[in-house]
PDB file of N, CA and C in Angstrom:
ATOM      1  N   ASP A   1       0.836  -1.189   0.000  1.00  0.00           N
ATOM      2  CA  ASP A   1       0.000   0.000   0.000  1.00  0.00           C
ATOM      3  C   ASP A   1       0.875   1.244   0.000  1.00  0.00           C
ATOM      4  N   ASP A   2       0.281   2.414   0.072  1.00  0.00           N
ATOM      5  CA  ASP A   2       1.060   3.657   0.027  1.00  0.00           C
ATOM      6  C   ASP A   2       1.959   3.844   1.246  1.00  0.00           C
ATOM      7  N   GLU A   3       1.686   3.100   2.302  1.00  0.00           N
ATOM      8  CA  GLU A   3       2.504   3.184   3.523  1.00  0.00           C
ATOM      9  C   GLU A   3       3.583   2.105   3.546  1.00  0.00           C
ATOM     10  N   ARG A   4       3.771   1.428   2.406  1.00  0.00           N
ATOM     11  CA  ARG A   4       4.788   0.387   2.233  1.00  0.00           C
ATOM     12  C   ARG A   4       4.521  -0.867   3.070  1.00  0.00           C
ATOM     13  N   ARG A   5       3.251  -1.097   3.393  1.00  0.00           N
ATOM     14  CA  ARG A   5       2.859  -2.332   4.083  1.00  0.00           C
ATOM     15  C   ARG A   5       2.395  -3.335   3.036  1.00  0.00           C
ATOM     16  N   MET A   6       2.801  -4.586   3.224  1.00  0.00           N
ATOM     17  CA  MET A   6       2.398  -5.614   2.281  1.00  0.00           C
ATOM     18  C   MET A   6       0.911  -5.915   2.421  1.00  0.00           C
ATOM     19  N   VAL A   7       0.212  -5.867   1.323  1.00  0.00           N
ATOM     20  CA  VAL A   7      -1.219  -6.140   1.309  1.00  0.00           C
ATOM     21  C   VAL A   7      -1.472  -7.622   1.046  1.00  0.00           C
ATOM     22  N   GLY A   8      -0.676  -8.222   0.199  1.00  0.00           N
ATOM     23  CA  GLY A   8      -0.842  -9.627  -0.137  1.00  0.00           C
ATOM     24  C   GLY A   8      -1.800  -9.822  -1.293  1.00  0.00           C
ATOM     25  N   LEU A   9      -2.003 -11.070  -1.661  1.00  0.00           N
ATOM     26  CA  LEU A   9      -2.808 -11.417  -2.829  1.00  0.00           C
ATOM     27  C   LEU A   9      -4.253 -11.793  -2.492  1.00  0.00           C
ATOM     28  N   GLU A  10      -4.641 -11.689  -1.242  1.00  0.00           N
ATOM     29  CA  GLU A  10      -5.973 -12.132  -0.816  1.00  0.00           C
ATOM     30  C   GLU A  10      -7.081 -11.523  -1.675  1.00  0.00           C
ATOM     31  N   HIS A  11      -7.056 -10.213  -1.895  1.00  0.00           N
ATOM     32  CA  HIS A  11      -8.105  -9.562  -2.686  1.00  0.00           C
ATOM     33  C   HIS A  11      -8.043  -9.991  -4.150  1.00  0.00           C
ATOM     34  N   ASP A  12      -6.835 -10.178  -4.670  1.00  0.00           N
ATOM     35  CA  ASP A  12      -6.684 -10.642  -6.053  1.00  0.00           C
ATOM     36  C   ASP A  12      -7.235 -12.055  -6.204  1.00  0.00           C
ATOM     37  N   TYR A  13      -6.918 -12.912  -5.256  1.00  0.00           N
ATOM     38  CA  TYR A  13      -7.390 -14.293  -5.309  1.00  0.00           C
ATOM     39  C   TYR A  13      -8.914 -14.361  -5.325  1.00  0.00           C
ATOM     40  N   LYS A  14      -9.591 -13.447  -4.661  1.00  0.00           N
ATOM     41  CA  LYS A  14     -11.065 -13.455  -4.617  1.00  0.00           C
ATOM     42  C   LYS A  14     -11.681 -13.209  -5.990  1.00  0.00           C
ATOM     43  N   THR A  15     -10.916 -12.651  -6.927  1.00  0.00           N
ATOM     44  CA  THR A  15     -11.440 -12.392  -8.268  1.00  0.00           C
ATOM     45  C   THR A  15     -11.265 -13.583  -9.197  1.00  0.00           C
ATOM     46  N   LEU A  16     -10.620 -14.641  -8.720  1.00  0.00           N
ATOM     47  CA  LEU A  16     -10.308 -15.797  -9.553  1.00  0.00           C
ATOM     48  C   LEU A  16     -11.225 -16.969  -9.248  1.00  0.00           C
ATOM     49  N   LYS A  17     -11.321 -17.904 -10.194  1.00  0.00           N
ATOM     50  CA  LYS A  17     -12.155 -19.102  -9.995  1.00  0.00           C
ATOM     51  C   LYS A  17     -11.634 -19.958  -8.858  1.00  0.00           C
ATOM     52  N   LYS A  18     -10.315 -20.097  -8.783  1.00  0.00           N
ATOM     53  CA  LYS A  18      -9.679 -20.832  -7.688  1.00  0.00           C
ATOM     54  C   LYS A  18      -8.645 -19.904  -7.069  1.00  0.00           C
ATOM     55  N   PRO A  19      -8.701 -19.710  -5.761  1.00  0.00           N
ATOM     56  CA  PRO A  19      -7.791 -18.755  -5.109  1.00  0.00           C
ATOM     57  C   PRO A  19      -6.413 -19.349  -4.804  1.00  0.00           C
ATOM     58  N   ASN A  20      -5.563 -19.439  -5.853  1.00  0.00           N
ATOM     59  CA  ASN A  20      -4.216 -19.945  -5.611  1.00  0.00           C
ATOM     60  C   ASN A  20      -3.216 -19.322  -6.577  1.00  0.00           C
ATOM     61  N   ALA A  21      -1.948 -19.541  -6.296  1.00  0.00           N
ATOM     62  CA  ALA A  21      -0.874 -18.921  -7.070  1.00  0.00           C
ATOM     63  C   ALA A  21      -0.857 -19.393  -8.521  1.00  0.00           C
ATOM     64  N   ASP A  22      -1.172 -20.657  -8.769  1.00  0.00           N
ATOM     65  CA  ASP A  22      -1.142 -21.191 -10.133  1.00  0.00           C
ATOM     66  C   ASP A  22      -2.182 -20.498 -11.007  1.00  0.00           C
ATOM     67  N   VAL A  23      -3.398 -20.352 -10.500  1.00  0.00           N
ATOM     68  CA  VAL A  23      -4.455 -19.684 -11.258  1.00  0.00           C
ATOM     69  C   VAL A  23      -4.122 -18.201 -11.425  1.00  0.00           C
ATOM     70  N   PHE A  24      -3.544 -17.580 -10.389  1.00  0.00           N
ATOM     71  CA  PHE A  24      -3.120 -16.195 -10.486  1.00  0.00           C
ATOM     72  C   PHE A  24      -2.095 -16.025 -11.598  1.00  0.00           C
ATOM     73  N   GLU A  25      -1.097 -16.917 -11.645  1.00  0.00           N
ATOM     74  CA  GLU A  25      -0.066 -16.813 -12.675  1.00  0.00           C
ATOM     75  C   GLU A  25      -0.654 -17.041 -14.066  1.00  0.00           C
ATOM     76  N   ASN A  26      -1.591 -17.978 -14.199  1.00  0.00           N
ATOM     77  CA  ASN A  26      -2.241 -18.197 -15.496  1.00  0.00           C
ATOM     78  C   ASN A  26      -2.991 -16.943 -15.950  1.00  0.00           C
ATOM     79  N   HIS A  27      -3.719 -16.316 -15.028  1.00  0.00           N
ATOM     80  CA  HIS A  27      -4.444 -15.088 -15.356  1.00  0.00           C
ATOM     81  C   HIS A  27      -3.454 -13.981 -15.736  1.00  0.00           C
ATOM     82  N   PHE A  28      -2.390 -13.834 -14.969  1.00  0.00           N
ATOM     83  CA  PHE A  28      -1.350 -12.848 -15.274  1.00  0.00           C
ATOM     84  C   PHE A  28      -0.824 -13.061 -16.693  1.00  0.00           C
ATOM     85  N   THR A  29      -0.533 -14.312 -17.037  1.00  0.00           N
ATOM     86  CA  THR A  29       0.018 -14.628 -18.351  1.00  0.00           C
ATOM     87  C   THR A  29      -0.968 -14.284 -19.462  1.00  0.00           C
ATOM     88  N   GLN A  30      -2.240 -14.574 -19.266  1.00  0.00           N
ATOM     89  CA  GLN A  30      -3.253 -14.246 -20.280  1.00  0.00           C
ATOM     90  C   GLN A  30      -3.333 -12.739 -20.518  1.00  0.00           C
ATOM     91  N   VAL A  31      -3.355 -11.966 -19.446  1.00  0.00           N
ATOM     92  CA  VAL A  31      -3.421 -10.505 -19.569  1.00  0.00           C
ATOM     93  C   VAL A  31      -2.131  -9.978 -20.193  1.00  0.00           C
ATOM     94  N   PHE A  32      -1.000 -10.480 -19.736  1.00  0.00           N
ATOM     95  CA  PHE A  32       0.296 -10.057 -20.270  1.00  0.00           C
ATOM     96  C   PHE A  32       0.379 -10.330 -21.773  1.00  0.00           C
ATOM     97  N   ASN A  33       0.003 -11.544 -22.186  1.00  0.00           N
ATOM     98  CA  ASN A  33       0.082 -11.908 -23.601  1.00  0.00           C
ATOM     99  C   ASN A  33      -0.781 -10.998 -24.463  1.00  0.00           C
ATOM    100  N   LYS A  34      -1.940 -10.607 -23.946  1.00  0.00           N
ATOM    101  CA  LYS A  34      -2.848  -9.731 -24.688  1.00  0.00           C
ATOM    102  C   LYS A  34      -2.298  -8.305 -24.774  1.00  0.00           C
ATOM    103  N   MET A  35      -1.737  -7.799 -23.683  1.00  0.00           N
ATOM    104  CA  MET A  35      -1.344  -6.388 -23.635  1.00  0.00           C
ATOM    105  C   MET A  35       0.117  -6.133 -24.035  1.00  0.00           C
ATOM    106  N   ILE A  36       0.964  -7.138 -23.919  1.00  0.00           N
ATOM    107  CA  ILE A  36       2.380  -6.977 -24.265  1.00  0.00           C
ATOM    108  C   ILE A  36       2.742  -7.899 -25.429  1.00  0.00           C
ATOM    109  N   GLY A  37       2.459  -9.175 -25.281  1.00  0.00           N
ATOM    110  CA  GLY A  37       2.748 -10.148 -26.323  1.00  0.00           C
ATOM    111  C   GLY A  37       3.437 -11.373 -25.754  1.00  0.00           C
ATOM    112  N   PRO A  38       3.020 -12.559 -26.187  1.00  0.00           N
ATOM    113  CA  PRO A  38       3.594 -13.796 -25.633  1.00  0.00           C
ATOM    114  C   PRO A  38       5.089 -13.936 -25.870  1.00  0.00           C
ATOM    115  N   GLU A  39       5.619 -13.298 -26.898  1.00  0.00           N
ATOM    116  CA  GLU A  39       7.056 -13.401 -27.185  1.00  0.00           C
ATOM    117  C   GLU A  39       7.913 -12.748 -26.109  1.00  0.00           C
ATOM    118  N   TYR A  40       7.292 -11.899 -25.250  1.00  0.00           N
ATOM    119  CA  TYR A  40       8.039 -11.233 -24.185  1.00  0.00           C
ATOM    120  C   TYR A  40       7.818 -11.875 -22.814  1.00  0.00           C
ATOM    121  N   ARG A  41       6.942 -12.853 -22.727  1.00  0.00           N
ATOM    122  CA  ARG A  41       6.626 -13.459 -21.417  1.00  0.00           C
ATOM    123  C   ARG A  41       7.842 -14.124 -20.786  1.00  0.00           C
ATOM    124  N   ARG A  42       8.775 -14.583 -21.610  1.00  0.00           N
ATOM    125  CA  ARG A  42       9.986 -15.233 -21.067  1.00  0.00           C
ATOM    126  C   ARG A  42      10.871 -14.258 -20.301  1.00  0.00           C
ATOM    127  N   HIS A  43      10.637 -12.977 -20.459  1.00  0.00           N
ATOM    128  CA  HIS A  43      11.401 -11.951 -19.745  1.00  0.00           C
ATOM    129  C   HIS A  43      10.836 -11.651 -18.356  1.00  0.00           C
ATOM    130  N   ILE A  44       9.734 -12.292 -18.010  1.00  0.00           N
ATOM    131  CA  ILE A  44       9.047 -12.028 -16.748  1.00  0.00           C
ATOM    132  C   ILE A  44       9.124 -13.262 -15.865  1.00  0.00           C
ATOM    133  N   LYS A  45       9.612 -13.080 -14.653  1.00  0.00           N
ATOM    134  CA  LYS A  45       9.723 -14.174 -13.687  1.00  0.00           C
ATOM    135  C   LYS A  45       8.839 -13.846 -12.482  1.00  0.00           C
ATOM    136  N   LEU A  46       7.931 -14.750 -12.158  1.00  0.00           N
ATOM    137  CA  LEU A  46       7.061 -14.577 -10.994  1.00  0.00           C
ATOM    138  C   LEU A  46       7.512 -15.518  -9.894  1.00  0.00           C
ATOM    139  N   GLY A  47       7.545 -15.015  -8.677  1.00  0.00           N
ATOM    140  CA  GLY A  47       7.862 -15.831  -7.510  1.00  0.00           C
ATOM    141  C   GLY A  47       6.836 -15.550  -6.424  1.00  0.00           C
ATOM    142  N   PHE A  48       6.365 -16.584  -5.779  1.00  0.00           N
ATOM    143  CA  PHE A  48       5.351 -16.433  -4.735  1.00  0.00           C
ATOM    144  C   PHE A  48       5.991 -16.715  -3.383  1.00  0.00           C
ATOM    145  N   HIS A  49       5.744 -15.822  -2.430  1.00  0.00           N
ATOM    146  CA  HIS A  49       6.373 -15.894  -1.123  1.00  0.00           C
ATOM    147  C   HIS A  49       5.364 -15.553  -0.035  1.00  0.00           C
ATOM    148  N   LYS A  50       5.491 -16.229   1.098  1.00  0.00           N
ATOM    149  CA  LYS A  50       4.660 -15.908   2.264  1.00  0.00           C
ATOM    150  C   LYS A  50       5.464 -15.050   3.222  1.00  0.00           C
ATOM    151  N   MET A  51       4.834 -13.953   3.647  1.00  0.00           N
ATOM    152  CA  MET A  51       5.460 -13.048   4.610  1.00  0.00           C
ATOM    153  C   MET A  51       4.373 -12.549   5.551  1.00  0.00           C
ATOM    154  N   ASN A  52       4.638 -12.618   6.832  1.00  0.00           N
ATOM    155  CA  ASN A  52       3.682 -12.138   7.833  1.00  0.00           C
ATOM    156  C   ASN A  52       2.288 -12.715   7.629  1.00  0.00           C
ATOM    157  N   GLY A  53       2.227 -13.993   7.245  1.00  0.00           N
ATOM    158  CA  GLY A  53       0.945 -14.660   7.065  1.00  0.00           C
ATOM    159  C   GLY A  53       0.217 -14.299   5.784  1.00  0.00           C
ATOM    160  N   LYS A  54       0.861 -13.549   4.895  1.00  0.00           N
ATOM    161  CA  LYS A  54       0.240 -13.150   3.631  1.00  0.00           C
ATOM    162  C   LYS A  54       1.089 -13.637   2.473  1.00  0.00           C
ATOM    163  N   GLU A  55       0.414 -13.972   1.386  1.00  0.00           N
ATOM    164  CA  GLU A  55       1.131 -14.406   0.198  1.00  0.00           C
ATOM    165  C   GLU A  55       1.328 -13.209  -0.725  1.00  0.00           C
ATOM    166  N   ALA A  56       2.531 -13.096  -1.276  1.00  0.00           N
ATOM    167  CA  ALA A  56       2.871 -12.000  -2.181  1.00  0.00           C
ATOM    168  C   ALA A  56       3.471 -12.576  -3.457  1.00  0.00           C
ATOM    169  N   CYS A  57       3.385 -11.805  -4.514  1.00  0.00           N
ATOM    170  CA  CYS A  57       3.984 -12.182  -5.786  1.00  0.00           C
ATOM    171  C   CYS A  57       5.064 -11.167  -6.105  1.00  0.00           C
ATOM    172  N   LEU A  58       6.294 -11.650  -6.241  1.00  0.00           N
ATOM    173  CA  LEU A  58       7.413 -10.804  -6.640  1.00  0.00           C
ATOM    174  C   LEU A  58       7.601 -10.997  -8.140  1.00  0.00           C
ATOM    175  N   ILE A  59       7.550  -9.894  -8.886  1.00  0.00           N
ATOM    176  CA  ILE A  59       7.680  -9.957 -10.341  1.00  0.00           C
ATOM    177  C   ILE A  59       9.014  -9.344 -10.731  1.00  0.00           C
ATOM    178  N   ARG A  60       9.826 -10.140 -11.409  1.00  0.00           N
ATOM    179  CA  ARG A  60      11.145  -9.687 -11.870  1.00  0.00           C
ATOM    180  C   ARG A  60      11.074  -9.541 -13.386  1.00  0.00           C
ATOM    181  N   VAL A  61      11.452  -8.375 -13.883  1.00  0.00           N
ATOM    182  CA  VAL A  61      11.406  -8.085 -15.314  1.00  0.00           C
ATOM    183  C   VAL A  61      12.826  -8.008 -15.847  1.00  0.00           C
ATOM    184  N   LEU A  62      13.147  -8.902 -16.757  1.00  0.00           N
ATOM    185  CA  LEU A  62      14.458  -8.930 -17.386  1.00  0.00           C
ATOM    186  C   LEU A  62      14.462  -7.990 -18.591  1.00  0.00           C
ATOM    187  N   PRO A  63      15.625  -7.440 -18.951  1.00  0.00           N
ATOM    188  CA  PRO A  63      15.679  -6.521 -20.090  1.00  0.00           C
ATOM    189  C   PRO A  63      15.340  -7.213 -21.406  1.00  0.00           C
ATOM    190  N   SER A  64      14.736  -6.443 -22.310  1.00  0.00           N
ATOM    191  CA  SER A  64      14.455  -6.922 -23.652  1.00  0.00           C
ATOM    192  C   SER A  64      15.524  -6.391 -24.597  1.00  0.00           C
ATOM    193  N   LEU A  65      15.795  -7.135 -25.647  1.00  0.00           N
ATOM    194  CA  LEU A  65      16.783  -6.708 -26.633  1.00  0.00           C
ATOM    195  C   LEU A  65      16.166  -5.848 -27.728  1.00  0.00           C
ATOM    196  N   LYS A  66      14.844  -5.636 -27.650  1.00  0.00           N
ATOM    197  CA  LYS A  66      14.176  -4.784 -28.631  1.00  0.00           C
ATOM    198  C   LYS A  66      13.018  -4.050 -27.957  1.00  0.00           C
ATOM    199  N   PRO A  67      12.484  -3.016 -28.595  1.00  0.00           N
ATOM    200  CA  PRO A  67      11.403  -2.236 -27.995  1.00  0.00           C
ATOM    201  C   PRO A  67      10.158  -3.079 -27.728  1.00  0.00           C
ATOM    202  N   VAL A  68       9.453  -2.742 -26.660  1.00  0.00           N
ATOM    203  CA  VAL A  68       8.224  -3.431 -26.283  1.00  0.00           C
ATOM    204  C   VAL A  68       7.128  -2.375 -26.133  1.00  0.00           C
ATOM    205  N   TYR A  69       5.989  -2.623 -26.770  1.00  0.00           N
ATOM    206  CA  TYR A  69       4.880  -1.679 -26.748  1.00  0.00           C
ATOM    207  C   TYR A  69       3.732  -2.245 -25.921  1.00  0.00           C
ATOM    208  N   LEU A  70       3.005  -1.372 -25.254  1.00  0.00           N
ATOM    209  CA  LEU A  70       1.813  -1.748 -24.503  1.00  0.00           C
ATOM    210  C   LEU A  70       0.621  -1.594 -25.425  1.00  0.00           C
ATOM    211  N   LYS A  71      -0.147  -2.674 -25.599  1.00  0.00           N
ATOM    212  CA  LYS A  71      -1.310  -2.661 -26.486  1.00  0.00           C
ATOM    213  C   LYS A  71      -2.571  -2.416 -25.659  1.00  0.00           C
ATOM    214  N   THR A  72      -3.365  -1.439 -26.094  1.00  0.00           N
ATOM    215  CA  THR A  72      -4.676  -1.203 -25.497  1.00  0.00           C
ATOM    216  C   THR A  72      -5.717  -1.554 -26.556  1.00  0.00           C
ATOM    217  N   ASP A  73      -6.973  -1.295 -26.263  1.00  0.00           N
ATOM    218  CA  ASP A  73      -8.031  -1.657 -27.215  1.00  0.00           C
ATOM    219  C   ASP A  73      -7.825  -1.060 -28.603  1.00  0.00           C
ATOM    220  N   ASP A  74      -7.363   0.184 -28.660  1.00  0.00           N
ATOM    221  CA  ASP A  74      -7.258   0.840 -29.959  1.00  0.00           C
ATOM    222  C   ASP A  74      -5.943   1.597 -30.158  1.00  0.00           C
ATOM    223  N   ASP A  75      -4.922   1.257 -29.391  1.00  0.00           N
ATOM    224  CA  ASP A  75      -3.683   2.013 -29.471  1.00  0.00           C
ATOM    225  C   ASP A  75      -2.508   1.162 -29.004  1.00  0.00           C
ATOM    226  N   GLU A  76      -1.313   1.614 -29.326  1.00  0.00           N
ATOM    227  CA  GLU A  76      -0.091   1.053 -28.770  1.00  0.00           C
ATOM    228  C   GLU A  76       0.685   2.194 -28.136  1.00  0.00           C
ATOM    229  N   LEU A  77       1.214   1.956 -26.944  1.00  0.00           N
ATOM    230  CA  LEU A  77       1.918   2.982 -26.187  1.00  0.00           C
ATOM    231  C   LEU A  77       3.335   2.516 -25.902  1.00  0.00           C
ATOM    232  N   PHE A  78       4.236   3.473 -25.687  1.00  0.00           N
ATOM    233  CA  PHE A  78       5.626   3.163 -25.387  1.00  0.00           C
ATOM    234  C   PHE A  78       6.031   3.907 -24.122  1.00  0.00           C
ATOM    235  N   PHE A  79       6.565   3.166 -23.142  1.00  0.00           N
ATOM    236  CA  PHE A  79       6.947   3.740 -21.857  1.00  0.00           C
ATOM    237  C   PHE A  79       8.421   3.479 -21.596  1.00  0.00           C
ATOM    238  N   ILE A  80       9.037   4.396 -20.840  1.00  0.00           N
ATOM    239  CA  ILE A  80      10.408   4.201 -20.377  1.00  0.00           C
ATOM    240  C   ILE A  80      10.453   4.496 -18.877  1.00  0.00           C
ATOM    241  N   ARG A  81      11.483   3.991 -18.231  1.00  0.00           N
ATOM    242  CA  ARG A  81      11.714   4.325 -16.822  1.00  0.00           C
ATOM    243  C   ARG A  81      12.556   5.590 -16.772  1.00  0.00           C
ATOM    244  N   THR A  82      12.137   6.529 -15.964  1.00  0.00           N
ATOM    245  CA  THR A  82      12.889   7.766 -15.734  1.00  0.00           C
ATOM    246  C   THR A  82      13.052   7.894 -14.227  1.00  0.00           C
ATOM    247  N   GLY A  83      14.200   7.417 -13.732  1.00  0.00           N
ATOM    248  CA  GLY A  83      14.401   7.385 -12.284  1.00  0.00           C
ATOM    249  C   GLY A  83      13.465   6.370 -11.662  1.00  0.00           C
ATOM    250  N   ASN A  84      12.650   6.816 -10.711  1.00  0.00           N
ATOM    251  CA  ASN A  84      11.709   5.898 -10.060  1.00  0.00           C
ATOM    252  C   ASN A  84      10.298   6.053 -10.621  1.00  0.00           C
ATOM    253  N   ALA A  85      10.180   6.635 -11.804  1.00  0.00           N
ATOM    254  CA  ALA A  85       8.874   6.860 -12.430  1.00  0.00           C
ATOM    255  C   ALA A  85       8.826   6.192 -13.801  1.00  0.00           C
ATOM    256  N   THR A  86       7.620   6.087 -14.341  1.00  0.00           N
ATOM    257  CA  THR A  86       7.402   5.572 -15.687  1.00  0.00           C
ATOM    258  C   THR A  86       6.866   6.716 -16.532  1.00  0.00           C
ATOM    259  N   THR A  87       7.453   6.913 -17.709  1.00  0.00           N
ATOM    260  CA  THR A  87       7.088   8.033 -18.571  1.00  0.00           C
ATOM    261  C   THR A  87       6.661   7.521 -19.936  1.00  0.00           C
ATOM    262  N   SER A  88       5.538   8.031 -20.433  1.00  0.00           N
ATOM    263  CA  SER A  88       5.069   7.708 -21.779  1.00  0.00           C
ATOM    264  C   SER A  88       5.771   8.621 -22.772  1.00  0.00           C
ATOM    265  N   LEU A  89       6.258   8.036 -23.865  1.00  0.00           N
ATOM    266  CA  LEU A  89       6.881   8.842 -24.916  1.00  0.00           C
ATOM    267  C   LEU A  89       5.905   9.022 -26.071  1.00  0.00           C
ATOM    268  N   LYS A  90       5.958  10.187 -26.702  1.00  0.00           N
ATOM    269  CA  LYS A  90       5.214  10.419 -27.936  1.00  0.00           C
ATOM    270  C   LYS A  90       5.933   9.634 -29.030  1.00  0.00           C
ATOM    271  N   PHE A  91       5.196   9.241 -30.062  1.00  0.00           N
ATOM    272  CA  PHE A  91       5.836   8.467 -31.120  1.00  0.00           C
ATOM    273  C   PHE A  91       6.947   9.255 -31.802  1.00  0.00           C
ATOM    274  N   SER A  92       6.862  10.570 -31.799  1.00  0.00           N
ATOM    275  CA  SER A  92       7.948  11.374 -32.355  1.00  0.00           C
ATOM    276  C   SER A  92       9.216  11.270 -31.509  1.00  0.00           C
ATOM    277  N   GLU A  93       9.091  10.877 -30.249  1.00  0.00           N
ATOM    278  CA  GLU A  93      10.244  10.717 -29.352  1.00  0.00           C
ATOM    279  C   GLU A  93      10.757   9.279 -29.320  1.00  0.00           C
ATOM    280  N   VAL A  94       9.891   8.330 -29.671  1.00  0.00           N
ATOM    281  CA  VAL A  94      10.238   6.912 -29.575  1.00  0.00           C
ATOM    282  C   VAL A  94      11.391   6.553 -30.508  1.00  0.00           C
ATOM    283  N   GLU A  95      11.363   7.040 -31.728  1.00  0.00           N
ATOM    284  CA  GLU A  95      12.395   6.685 -32.700  1.00  0.00           C
ATOM    285  C   GLU A  95      13.796   7.048 -32.195  1.00  0.00           C
ATOM    286  N   GLN A  96      13.957   8.248 -31.670  1.00  0.00           N
ATOM    287  CA  GLN A  96      15.263   8.670 -31.163  1.00  0.00           C
ATOM    288  C   GLN A  96      15.675   7.845 -29.952  1.00  0.00           C
ATOM    289  N   TYR A  97      14.731   7.558 -29.063  1.00  0.00           N
ATOM    290  CA  TYR A  97      15.027   6.735 -27.882  1.00  0.00           C
ATOM    291  C   TYR A  97      15.528   5.362 -28.318  1.00  0.00           C
ATOM    292  N   ILE A  98      14.850   4.763 -29.275  1.00  0.00           N
ATOM    293  CA  ILE A  98      15.238   3.427 -29.757  1.00  0.00           C
ATOM    294  C   ILE A  98      16.618   3.466 -30.400  1.00  0.00           C
ATOM    295  N   LYS A  99      16.907   4.494 -31.172  1.00  0.00           N
ATOM    296  CA  LYS A  99      18.234   4.613 -31.798  1.00  0.00           C
ATOM    297  C   LYS A  99      19.332   4.698 -30.737  1.00  0.00           C
ATOM    298  N   ASN A 100      19.077   5.428 -29.669  1.00  0.00           N
ATOM    299  CA  ASN A 100      20.075   5.583 -28.609  1.00  0.00           C
ATOM    300  C   ASN A 100      20.206   4.344 -27.731  1.00  0.00           C
ATOM    301  N   LYS A 101      19.114   3.609 -27.527  1.00  0.00           N
ATOM    302  CA  LYS A 101      19.133   2.466 -26.611  1.00  0.00           C
ATOM    303  C   LYS A 101      19.595   1.184 -27.294  1.00  0.00           C
ATOM    304  N   TRP A 102      19.106   0.917 -28.494  1.00  0.00           N
ATOM    305  CA  TRP A 102      19.416  -0.326 -29.179  1.00  0.00           C
ATOM    306  C   TRP A 102      20.289  -0.024 -30.368  1.00  0.00           C
TER     307      TRP A 102
END
């Protein structure tokens, strides 16, 4: 939460047919494949851990060797990390960023 206390997956599990880590990961993968693309799923590592009686999911994102776009219903977006924030780039800015990064 905003106070840096672990909330856990309890509320997320309530939205699933079966409240467990396997079903959570399957749902995550389905959403990820739709919004990012299955070819990038290998760059994402999920780990489930119990802390203070709550289950949490730690998501590790490995670097990609090429640009990755976020797909929405009618658009594709491009984001970069700027310090501890995420910034959306205009398509006029994306080309230069890609040239400098890759």
